[in-house]
Amino acid sequence: MIEDVKIDSHTGAAGGTPAGTPEPEKPTSLGKLVEQISEQASRLVRAEIALAKAELAEKAKKSGIGIGLLVFALLILVYAVGVLLLAAVFGLGTVWPLWLSALTIGGFMLLVIAVLALAGVQLLKKGTAKPESVQRVKDDVASIKEGMHR
């Protein structure tokens, strides 16, 4: 019995592919493709999470340094305000007795403190009240529950 043999026109060899070249790949099954997509998607998600963690760590480090610098600046500010208040007392002390100038500056400071504290308390009261959206969501949930029971 004689079999049909293909002769390659490039090499003259029988068989179908030139010597040293791989056979063409068979088409991958749909299940295999879905499995590969699933693996690649999970690897991509893990890589994105790792990148997000690294970015957050870097931002946290920079934020920590920034907070430290701000705290140090505020500490210096406290001392600077004290020096300026002392200078104001001595400045008024050239016109009034020193005790009266200190009393006047201290009273002015208490007045500023009272105004700032009252403004802060008012803002805190507004900030700690329940947002209107929370009440609206509760109303929506109640309406949905009521509609389901009909």
Protein backbone atom coordinates (compact mmCIF):
# COMPACT_ATOMS: atom_id res chain seq x y z
CA MET A 1 0.00 0.00 0.00
CA ILE A 2 1.36 3.39 -0.92
CA GLU A 3 0.77 6.30 1.47
CA ASP A 4 0.42 9.89 0.40
CA VAL A 5 3.60 11.65 1.45
CA LYS A 6 4.00 15.39 1.17
CA ILE A 7 7.33 16.61 -0.06
CA ASP A 8 8.45 20.01 1.21
CA SER A 9 9.41 22.27 -1.64
CA HIS A 10 12.06 24.09 0.46
CA THR A 11 13.97 21.15 1.84
CA GLY A 12 12.89 18.35 -0.39
CA ALA A 13 12.23 16.27 2.72
CA ALA A 14 9.10 14.35 3.29
CA GLY A 15 7.01 15.14 6.32
CA GLY A 16 5.48 18.58 6.06
CA THR A 17 7.70 20.93 8.13
CA PRO A 18 11.25 22.02 7.39
CA ALA A 19 13.92 20.38 9.52
CA GLY A 20 14.42 22.14 12.89
CA THR A 21 11.13 24.07 12.90
CA PRO A 22 8.45 23.16 15.42
CA GLU A 23 5.09 21.84 14.49
CA PRO A 24 2.37 24.52 14.46
CA GLU A 25 0.58 24.73 17.83
CA LYS A 26 -2.85 23.24 18.11
CA PRO A 27 -5.59 25.72 18.97
CA THR A 28 -6.03 26.13 22.72
CA SER A 29 -9.37 25.03 24.11
CA LEU A 30 -11.87 27.54 25.43
CA GLY A 31 -11.58 26.12 28.93
CA LYS A 32 -7.80 26.55 28.87
CA LEU A 33 -8.18 30.15 27.67
CA VAL A 34 -10.64 30.94 30.46
CA GLU A 35 -8.25 29.38 32.98
CA GLN A 36 -5.35 31.48 31.65
CA ILE A 37 -7.44 34.66 31.78
CA SER A 38 -8.45 33.86 35.33
CA GLU A 39 -4.83 33.28 36.40
CA GLN A 40 -3.64 36.44 34.69
CA ALA A 41 -6.46 38.50 36.19
CA SER A 42 -5.67 37.26 39.70
CA ARG A 43 -1.94 37.95 39.17
CA LEU A 44 -2.79 41.44 37.91
CA VAL A 45 -5.00 42.15 40.93
CA ARG A 46 -2.29 40.92 43.33
CA ALA A 47 0.30 43.09 41.57
CA GLU A 48 -1.99 46.12 41.73
CA ILE A 49 -2.59 45.54 45.45
CA ALA A 50 1.14 45.25 46.08
CA LEU A 51 1.73 48.47 44.14
CA ALA A 52 -1.02 50.25 46.09
CA LYS A 53 0.52 49.07 49.39
CA ALA A 54 3.94 50.36 48.35
CA GLU A 55 2.49 53.71 47.28
CA LEU A 56 0.57 54.05 50.55
CA ALA A 57 3.66 53.20 52.58
CA GLU A 58 5.65 55.89 50.75
CA LYS A 59 2.87 58.44 51.24
CA ALA A 60 2.57 57.53 54.92
CA LYS A 61 6.32 58.02 55.38
CA LYS A 62 6.23 61.42 53.71
CA SER A 63 3.13 62.38 55.69
CA GLY A 64 4.82 61.36 58.94
CA ILE A 65 7.82 63.54 58.17
CA GLY A 66 5.51 66.41 57.23
CA ILE A 67 3.54 66.07 60.46
CA GLY A 68 6.76 66.04 62.48
CA LEU A 69 7.92 69.24 60.80
CA LEU A 70 4.55 70.90 61.44
CA VAL A 71 4.65 69.95 65.12
CA PHE A 72 8.13 71.40 65.43
CA ALA A 73 6.99 74.59 63.67
CA LEU A 74 4.03 74.89 66.07
CA LEU A 75 6.33 74.49 69.05
CA ILE A 76 8.51 77.33 67.79
CA LEU A 77 5.36 79.37 67.14
CA VAL A 78 4.29 78.98 70.77
CA TYR A 79 7.61 80.37 71.95
CA ALA A 80 7.47 83.17 69.37
CA VAL A 81 4.00 84.21 70.53
CA GLY A 82 5.24 84.26 74.12
CA VAL A 83 8.16 86.50 73.16
CA LEU A 84 5.87 88.84 71.22
CA LEU A 85 3.43 89.05 74.12
CA LEU A 86 6.28 89.88 76.48
CA ALA A 87 7.42 92.57 74.05
CA ALA A 88 3.87 93.98 74.01
CA VAL A 89 3.81 94.07 77.82
CA PHE A 90 7.17 95.88 77.92
CA GLY A 91 6.06 98.22 75.16
CA LEU A 92 2.94 99.24 77.06
CA GLY A 93 5.09 99.35 80.19
CA THR A 94 6.80 102.47 78.84
CA VAL A 95 3.43 104.30 78.96
CA TRP A 96 1.64 102.55 81.83
CA PRO A 97 2.91 100.80 84.92
CA LEU A 98 4.26 97.34 84.07
CA TRP A 99 1.57 95.54 86.09
CA LEU A 100 -1.22 97.38 84.22
CA SER A 101 0.28 96.63 80.79
CA ALA A 102 0.60 92.91 81.70
CA LEU A 103 -3.00 92.90 82.94
CA THR A 104 -4.24 94.59 79.74
CA ILE A 105 -2.39 92.17 77.44
CA GLY A 106 -3.58 89.18 79.52
CA GLY A 107 -7.20 90.40 79.40
CA PHE A 108 -6.98 90.87 75.63
CA MET A 109 -5.61 87.34 75.28
CA LEU A 110 -8.52 85.95 77.35
CA LEU A 111 -10.98 87.81 75.12
CA VAL A 112 -9.42 86.32 71.96
CA ILE A 113 -9.44 82.86 73.56
CA ALA A 114 -13.14 83.17 74.45
CA VAL A 115 -14.14 84.23 70.91
CA LEU A 116 -12.11 81.42 69.31
CA ALA A 117 -13.46 78.81 71.76
CA LEU A 118 -17.08 79.83 71.13
CA ALA A 119 -16.56 79.71 67.36
CA GLY A 120 -14.92 76.28 67.70
CA VAL A 121 -17.76 74.91 69.83
CA GLN A 122 -20.32 76.11 67.27
CA LEU A 123 -18.44 74.42 64.43
CA LEU A 124 -18.14 71.20 66.42
CA LYS A 125 -21.87 71.17 67.09
CA LYS A 126 -22.55 71.53 63.38
CA GLY A 127 -19.97 68.88 62.53
CA THR A 128 -21.20 66.25 64.98
CA ALA A 129 -24.86 66.48 63.97
CA LYS A 130 -26.15 63.57 61.90
CA PRO A 131 -25.85 64.26 58.20
CA GLU A 132 -29.16 64.64 56.41
CA SER A 133 -28.16 61.92 53.95
CA VAL A 134 -28.08 59.35 56.78
CA GLN A 135 -31.69 60.13 57.65
CA ARG A 136 -32.67 59.97 53.96
CA VAL A 137 -31.05 56.54 53.61
CA LYS A 138 -32.92 55.33 56.70
CA ASP A 139 -36.17 56.64 55.22
CA ASP A 140 -35.43 54.88 51.92
CA VAL A 141 -34.74 51.58 53.68
CA ALA A 142 -37.96 51.92 55.66
CA SER A 143 -39.90 52.64 52.45
CA ILE A 144 -38.41 49.60 50.73
CA LYS A 145 -39.22 47.35 53.70
CA GLU A 146 -42.76 48.70 53.77
CA GLY A 147 -43.12 48.10 50.02
CA MET A 148 -41.94 44.50 50.38
CA HIS A 149 -44.55 43.74 53.04
CA ARG A 150 -47.45 44.79 50.81
